[in-house]
Amino acid sequence: MVSFLLFVLSVLTYSMTKILLTYRKTVKYLKTVVESKKDERKKIYNTIETQNKQRTKIYIGNKFEEEIEMVTIGEILLLSI
């Protein structure tokens, strides 16, 4: 009877140990997945920020060119008078 109880206790201990180890592995895996997702989000955010900056520079560049063209046309009109 005592040997049977010891056997049951050892099986329960073994199963609990396996469950805990599996839980720890799962938690570690999920942490790495979450960290990788955060890194991907940071990369995407940085890419969007870079694109926004480039668009702003392009817009400013086009506006600056338009102002130069307008001044040039104005100078031509002044010179033609």
N, C-alpha and C. Protein backbone atom coordinates (compact mmCIF):
# COMPACT_ATOMS: atom_id res chain seq x y z
N MET A 1 0.82 -1.20 0.00
CA MET A 1 0.00 0.00 0.00
C MET A 1 0.87 1.27 0.00
N VAL A 2 1.90 1.27 0.82
CA VAL A 2 2.79 2.42 0.91
C VAL A 2 3.54 2.60 -0.41
N SER A 3 3.95 1.50 -1.01
CA SER A 3 4.67 1.60 -2.28
C SER A 3 3.76 2.16 -3.38
N PHE A 4 2.51 1.79 -3.37
CA PHE A 4 1.56 2.33 -4.34
C PHE A 4 1.40 3.84 -4.17
N LEU A 5 1.29 4.29 -2.91
CA LEU A 5 1.16 5.73 -2.64
C LEU A 5 2.43 6.48 -3.08
N LEU A 6 3.56 5.88 -2.85
CA LEU A 6 4.81 6.51 -3.29
C LEU A 6 4.86 6.60 -4.82
N PHE A 7 4.39 5.55 -5.46
CA PHE A 7 4.35 5.55 -6.92
C PHE A 7 3.43 6.66 -7.44
N VAL A 8 2.25 6.79 -6.85
CA VAL A 8 1.30 7.82 -7.26
C VAL A 8 1.90 9.20 -7.01
N LEU A 9 2.55 9.37 -5.89
CA LEU A 9 3.18 10.65 -5.56
C LEU A 9 4.29 10.99 -6.55
N SER A 10 5.08 10.01 -6.91
CA SER A 10 6.16 10.25 -7.87
C SER A 10 5.61 10.60 -9.26
N VAL A 11 4.53 9.93 -9.67
CA VAL A 11 3.91 10.24 -10.96
C VAL A 11 3.35 11.66 -10.95
N LEU A 12 2.70 12.03 -9.86
CA LEU A 12 2.17 13.39 -9.76
C LEU A 12 3.28 14.44 -9.78
N THR A 13 4.35 14.16 -9.08
CA THR A 13 5.49 15.08 -9.04
C THR A 13 6.08 15.24 -10.44
N TYR A 14 6.26 14.12 -11.12
CA TYR A 14 6.81 14.14 -12.47
C TYR A 14 5.91 14.95 -13.42
N SER A 15 4.62 14.70 -13.35
CA SER A 15 3.70 15.40 -14.25
C SER A 15 3.66 16.91 -13.94
N MET A 16 3.71 17.27 -12.68
CA MET A 16 3.71 18.68 -12.31
C MET A 16 5.01 19.35 -12.80
N THR A 17 6.11 18.65 -12.69
CA THR A 17 7.38 19.18 -13.16
C THR A 17 7.34 19.41 -14.66
N LYS A 18 6.79 18.47 -15.39
CA LYS A 18 6.67 18.61 -16.85
C LYS A 18 5.78 19.79 -17.20
N ILE A 19 4.68 19.92 -16.48
CA ILE A 19 3.76 21.03 -16.74
C ILE A 19 4.45 22.36 -16.48
N LEU A 20 5.18 22.46 -15.39
CA LEU A 20 5.88 23.71 -15.08
C LEU A 20 6.96 24.03 -16.10
N LEU A 21 7.69 23.03 -16.54
CA LEU A 21 8.72 23.26 -17.54
C LEU A 21 8.10 23.71 -18.87
N THR A 22 7.02 23.08 -19.23
CA THR A 22 6.33 23.47 -20.45
C THR A 22 5.80 24.90 -20.33
N TYR A 23 5.28 25.24 -19.18
CA TYR A 23 4.79 26.59 -18.94
C TYR A 23 5.92 27.61 -19.09
N ARG A 24 7.07 27.31 -18.49
CA ARG A 24 8.21 28.22 -18.57
C ARG A 24 8.67 28.41 -20.01
N LYS A 25 8.73 27.31 -20.75
CA LYS A 25 9.14 27.41 -22.16
C LYS A 25 8.14 28.25 -22.94
N THR A 26 6.87 28.05 -22.65
CA THR A 26 5.83 28.80 -23.35
C THR A 26 5.94 30.29 -23.03
N VAL A 27 6.15 30.61 -21.78
CA VAL A 27 6.28 32.01 -21.37
C VAL A 27 7.50 32.64 -22.04
N LYS A 28 8.62 31.94 -22.06
CA LYS A 28 9.82 32.47 -22.73
C LYS A 28 9.57 32.70 -24.21
N TYR A 29 8.91 31.74 -24.85
CA TYR A 29 8.61 31.87 -26.27
C TYR A 29 7.71 33.08 -26.53
N LEU A 30 6.68 33.23 -25.70
CA LEU A 30 5.76 34.36 -25.88
C LEU A 30 6.46 35.70 -25.65
N LYS A 31 7.39 35.74 -24.70
CA LYS A 31 8.14 36.97 -24.46
C LYS A 31 8.98 37.33 -25.68
N THR A 32 9.62 36.34 -26.27
CA THR A 32 10.43 36.62 -27.46
C THR A 32 9.55 37.07 -28.63
N VAL A 33 8.37 36.47 -28.75
CA VAL A 33 7.45 36.88 -29.82
C VAL A 33 7.01 38.32 -29.61
N VAL A 34 6.67 38.66 -28.37
CA VAL A 34 6.23 40.03 -28.07
C VAL A 34 7.36 41.02 -28.35
N GLU A 35 8.59 40.67 -27.95
CA GLU A 35 9.72 41.56 -28.20
C GLU A 35 9.97 41.74 -29.69
N SER A 36 9.86 40.67 -30.45
CA SER A 36 10.07 40.78 -31.89
C SER A 36 8.98 41.64 -32.53
N LYS A 37 7.75 41.51 -32.04
CA LYS A 37 6.67 42.34 -32.57
C LYS A 37 6.92 43.82 -32.24
N LYS A 38 7.43 44.08 -31.03
CA LYS A 38 7.75 45.46 -30.67
C LYS A 38 8.83 46.01 -31.59
N ASP A 39 9.85 45.19 -31.88
CA ASP A 39 10.92 45.62 -32.78
C ASP A 39 10.37 45.91 -34.18
N GLU A 40 9.47 45.04 -34.65
CA GLU A 40 8.87 45.26 -35.97
C GLU A 40 8.07 46.56 -35.99
N ARG A 41 7.33 46.80 -34.91
CA ARG A 41 6.54 48.03 -34.84
C ARG A 41 7.45 49.25 -34.83
N LYS A 42 8.57 49.17 -34.10
CA LYS A 42 9.51 50.29 -34.08
C LYS A 42 10.08 50.54 -35.47
N LYS A 43 10.42 49.45 -36.17
CA LYS A 43 10.96 49.60 -37.53
C LYS A 43 9.93 50.24 -38.45
N ILE A 44 8.69 49.78 -38.34
CA ILE A 44 7.62 50.34 -39.18
C ILE A 44 7.42 51.81 -38.83
N TYR A 45 7.40 52.14 -37.54
CA TYR A 45 7.22 53.52 -37.12
C TYR A 45 8.36 54.40 -37.64
N ASN A 46 9.60 53.89 -37.51
CA ASN A 46 10.75 54.65 -38.00
C ASN A 46 10.68 54.85 -39.51
N THR A 47 10.24 53.82 -40.22
CA THR A 47 10.09 53.93 -41.67
C THR A 47 9.06 54.98 -42.02
N ILE A 48 7.93 54.97 -41.31
CA ILE A 48 6.88 55.96 -41.58
C ILE A 48 7.39 57.36 -41.27
N GLU A 49 8.11 57.51 -40.16
CA GLU A 49 8.66 58.82 -39.81
C GLU A 49 9.62 59.30 -40.89
N THR A 50 10.48 58.40 -41.37
CA THR A 50 11.44 58.75 -42.41
C THR A 50 10.70 59.16 -43.68
N GLN A 51 9.68 58.42 -44.05
CA GLN A 51 8.90 58.76 -45.25
C GLN A 51 8.22 60.10 -45.08
N ASN A 52 7.68 60.36 -43.89
CA ASN A 52 7.02 61.65 -43.65
C ASN A 52 8.03 62.79 -43.78
N LYS A 53 9.23 62.60 -43.25
CA LYS A 53 10.26 63.63 -43.35
C LYS A 53 10.64 63.86 -44.81
N GLN A 54 10.79 62.77 -45.56
CA GLN A 54 11.14 62.91 -46.97
C GLN A 54 10.03 63.62 -47.73
N ARG A 55 8.77 63.29 -47.43
CA ARG A 55 7.66 63.96 -48.10
C ARG A 55 7.66 65.45 -47.77
N THR A 56 7.94 65.78 -46.50
CA THR A 56 7.99 67.18 -46.11
C THR A 56 9.09 67.90 -46.87
N LYS A 57 10.26 67.26 -46.99
CA LYS A 57 11.37 67.87 -47.71
C LYS A 57 11.02 68.04 -49.18
N ILE A 58 10.38 67.05 -49.75
CA ILE A 58 10.00 67.14 -51.15
C ILE A 58 8.99 68.28 -51.33
N TYR A 59 8.02 68.37 -50.43
CA TYR A 59 7.01 69.43 -50.52
C TYR A 59 7.67 70.80 -50.40
N ILE A 60 8.56 70.93 -49.42
CA ILE A 60 9.25 72.20 -49.24
C ILE A 60 10.10 72.50 -50.46
N GLY A 61 10.74 71.47 -51.00
CA GLY A 61 11.55 71.65 -52.18
C GLY A 61 10.71 72.13 -53.36
N ASN A 62 9.56 71.56 -53.58
CA ASN A 62 8.69 71.98 -54.68
C ASN A 62 8.20 73.41 -54.48
N LYS A 63 7.85 73.72 -53.24
CA LYS A 63 7.37 75.07 -52.94
C LYS A 63 8.48 76.08 -53.20
N PHE A 64 9.69 75.75 -52.79
CA PHE A 64 10.83 76.64 -52.99
C PHE A 64 11.07 76.85 -54.49
N GLU A 65 10.97 75.78 -55.27
CA GLU A 65 11.18 75.91 -56.71
C GLU A 65 10.08 76.78 -57.33
N GLU A 66 8.84 76.64 -56.86
CA GLU A 66 7.75 77.46 -57.38
C GLU A 66 8.01 78.94 -57.08
N GLU A 67 8.51 79.24 -55.86
CA GLU A 67 8.80 80.62 -55.51
C GLU A 67 9.90 81.19 -56.40
N ILE A 68 10.92 80.38 -56.67
CA ILE A 68 12.01 80.84 -57.54
C ILE A 68 11.47 81.12 -58.94
N GLU A 69 10.61 80.23 -59.46
CA GLU A 69 10.05 80.44 -60.80
C GLU A 69 9.22 81.72 -60.84
N MET A 70 8.44 81.97 -59.76
CA MET A 70 7.61 83.16 -59.73
C MET A 70 8.47 84.42 -59.70
N VAL A 71 9.55 84.38 -58.93
CA VAL A 71 10.44 85.53 -58.88
C VAL A 71 11.08 85.74 -60.24
N THR A 72 11.47 84.66 -60.87
CA THR A 72 12.10 84.79 -62.18
C THR A 72 11.13 85.39 -63.19
N ILE A 73 9.88 84.94 -63.17
CA ILE A 73 8.88 85.50 -64.07
C ILE A 73 8.64 86.98 -63.74
N GLY A 74 8.62 87.30 -62.45
CA GLY A 74 8.44 88.70 -62.03
C GLY A 74 9.58 89.57 -62.50
N GLU A 75 10.80 89.06 -62.41
CA GLU A 75 11.95 89.83 -62.86
C GLU A 75 11.88 90.05 -64.37
N ILE A 76 11.44 89.03 -65.07
CA ILE A 76 11.32 89.17 -66.53
C ILE A 76 10.29 90.23 -66.87
N LEU A 77 9.16 90.23 -66.14
CA LEU A 77 8.14 91.24 -66.39
C LEU A 77 8.67 92.65 -66.08
N LEU A 78 9.44 92.77 -64.98
CA LEU A 78 10.00 94.07 -64.63
C LEU A 78 11.01 94.53 -65.67
N LEU A 79 11.80 93.60 -66.16
CA LEU A 79 12.80 93.97 -67.16
C LEU A 79 12.17 94.32 -68.51
N SER A 80 11.02 93.72 -68.79
CA SER A 80 10.39 93.97 -70.08
C SER A 80 9.69 95.32 -70.12
N ILE A 81 9.41 95.91 -68.95
CA ILE A 81 8.71 97.21 -68.92
C ILE A 81 9.63 98.29 -69.28
